Amino acid sequence: MIVSVAMITTVTGKYQVTVPAKIASEHGIKAGSRLDWEKTDKPDVIVVKVLPDRATLADSLHGAGRKYLKPG
């Protein structure tokens, strides 16, 4: 479900955008966070997803291959 909240930002001359503080804190966005930008079939709609940080990815993979180990 997409909830629309009106928060307007401005793109700078270097194509940078500031994420509003409320959205950043609610979604765990901090300095160094990676965002995945996706085009849609609508020319005025862009989908942005917050990617997990590398530490979270590493933790999720910890021990994932154990089921493939041979006994002994």
C-alpha atoms as a PDB file:
ATOM      1  CA  MET A   1       0.000   0.000   0.000  1.00  0.00           C
ATOM      2  CA  ILE A   2       1.369   3.403  -0.960  1.00  0.00           C
ATOM      3  CA  VAL A   3       0.584   6.269   1.366  1.00  0.00           C
ATOM      4  CA  SER A   4       0.893   9.685  -0.203  1.00  0.00           C
ATOM      5  CA  VAL A   5       2.425  12.367   1.977  1.00  0.00           C
ATOM      6  CA  ALA A   6       3.053  15.791   0.475  1.00  0.00           C
ATOM      7  CA  MET A   7       6.702  16.679   1.071  1.00  0.00           C
ATOM      8  CA  ILE A   8       8.278  18.723  -1.662  1.00  0.00           C
ATOM      9  CA  THR A   9      12.034  18.876  -2.203  1.00  0.00           C
ATOM     10  CA  THR A  10      14.155  20.595  -4.839  1.00  0.00           C
ATOM     11  CA  VAL A  11      16.774  19.024  -7.084  1.00  0.00           C
ATOM     12  CA  THR A  12      20.079  20.938  -6.955  1.00  0.00           C
ATOM     13  CA  GLY A  13      22.270  21.865  -9.903  1.00  0.00           C
ATOM     14  CA  LYS A  14      24.252  18.662  -9.242  1.00  0.00           C
ATOM     15  CA  TYR A  15      21.038  16.562  -9.360  1.00  0.00           C
ATOM     16  CA  GLN A  16      21.084  15.997  -5.603  1.00  0.00           C
ATOM     17  CA  VAL A  17      17.938  15.686  -3.499  1.00  0.00           C
ATOM     18  CA  THR A  18      17.539  16.064   0.251  1.00  0.00           C
ATOM     19  CA  VAL A  19      15.400  13.379   1.882  1.00  0.00           C
ATOM     20  CA  PRO A  20      12.982  15.002   4.333  1.00  0.00           C
ATOM     21  CA  ALA A  21      14.004  14.273   7.940  1.00  0.00           C
ATOM     22  CA  LYS A  22      10.693  12.634   8.851  1.00  0.00           C
ATOM     23  CA  ILE A  23      10.913  10.179   5.945  1.00  0.00           C
ATOM     24  CA  ALA A  24      14.609   9.501   6.606  1.00  0.00           C
ATOM     25  CA  SER A  25      14.048   8.685  10.278  1.00  0.00           C
ATOM     26  CA  GLU A  26      10.958   6.532   9.605  1.00  0.00           C
ATOM     27  CA  HIS A  27      12.820   4.442   7.021  1.00  0.00           C
ATOM     28  CA  GLY A  28      16.244   4.286   8.677  1.00  0.00           C
ATOM     29  CA  ILE A  29      17.937   6.413   6.025  1.00  0.00           C
ATOM     30  CA  LYS A  30      21.222   7.905   7.215  1.00  0.00           C
ATOM     31  CA  ALA A  31      24.455   9.143   5.685  1.00  0.00           C
ATOM     32  CA  GLY A  32      25.794   6.373   3.451  1.00  0.00           C
ATOM     33  CA  SER A  33      22.417   4.680   2.917  1.00  0.00           C
ATOM     34  CA  ARG A  34      21.886   3.339  -0.579  1.00  0.00           C
ATOM     35  CA  LEU A  35      18.686   4.060  -2.498  1.00  0.00           C
ATOM     36  CA  ASP A  36      17.479   2.143  -5.550  1.00  0.00           C
ATOM     37  CA  TRP A  37      15.701   4.411  -8.062  1.00  0.00           C
ATOM     38  CA  GLU A  38      13.333   2.743 -10.539  1.00  0.00           C
ATOM     39  CA  LYS A  39      11.520   4.202 -13.507  1.00  0.00           C
ATOM     40  CA  THR A  40       7.863   3.333 -13.969  1.00  0.00           C
ATOM     41  CA  ASP A  41       5.621   3.367 -17.003  1.00  0.00           C
ATOM     42  CA  LYS A  42       4.359   6.767 -15.858  1.00  0.00           C
ATOM     43  CA  PRO A  43       6.743   9.610 -16.797  1.00  0.00           C
ATOM     44  CA  ASP A  44       6.071  11.541 -13.579  1.00  0.00           C
ATOM     45  CA  VAL A  45       6.439   8.600 -11.139  1.00  0.00           C
ATOM     46  CA  ILE A  46       9.725   7.228  -9.751  1.00  0.00           C
ATOM     47  CA  VAL A  47       9.919   4.459  -7.145  1.00  0.00           C
ATOM     48  CA  VAL A  48      12.706   4.698  -4.552  1.00  0.00           C
ATOM     49  CA  LYS A  49      13.631   1.712  -2.366  1.00  0.00           C
ATOM     50  CA  VAL A  50      15.976   1.807   0.617  1.00  0.00           C
ATOM     51  CA  LEU A  51      18.564  -0.956   0.237  1.00  0.00           C
ATOM     52  CA  PRO A  52      19.817  -2.774   3.340  1.00  0.00           C
ATOM     53  CA  ASP A  53      23.262  -1.722   4.505  1.00  0.00           C
ATOM     54  CA  ARG A  54      26.157  -4.111   4.003  1.00  0.00           C
ATOM     55  CA  ALA A  55      26.299  -5.154   7.664  1.00  0.00           C
ATOM     56  CA  THR A  56      22.640  -6.236   7.530  1.00  0.00           C
ATOM     57  CA  LEU A  57      23.281  -8.164   4.324  1.00  0.00           C
ATOM     58  CA  ALA A  58      26.295  -9.898   5.848  1.00  0.00           C
ATOM     59  CA  ASP A  59      24.318 -10.836   8.977  1.00  0.00           C
ATOM     60  CA  SER A  60      21.509 -12.282   6.871  1.00  0.00           C
ATOM     61  CA  LEU A  61      23.985 -14.508   5.003  1.00  0.00           C
ATOM     62  CA  HIS A  62      25.807 -15.743   8.116  1.00  0.00           C
ATOM     63  CA  GLY A  63      25.520 -19.527   8.220  1.00  0.00           C
ATOM     64  CA  ALA A  64      23.406 -19.720   5.059  1.00  0.00           C
ATOM     65  CA  GLY A  65      25.656 -22.370   3.477  1.00  0.00           C
ATOM     66  CA  ARG A  66      25.752 -24.737   6.444  1.00  0.00           C
ATOM     67  CA  LYS A  67      22.976 -26.912   5.049  1.00  0.00           C
ATOM     68  CA  TYR A  68      25.256 -27.763   2.104  1.00  0.00           C
ATOM     69  CA  LEU A  69      28.173 -28.981   4.243  1.00  0.00           C
ATOM     70  CA  LYS A  70      28.843 -32.686   4.352  1.00  0.00           C
ATOM     71  CA  PRO A  71      28.951 -34.282   7.809  1.00  0.00           C
ATOM     72  CA  GLY A  72      32.416 -34.600   9.255  1.00  0.00           C
END
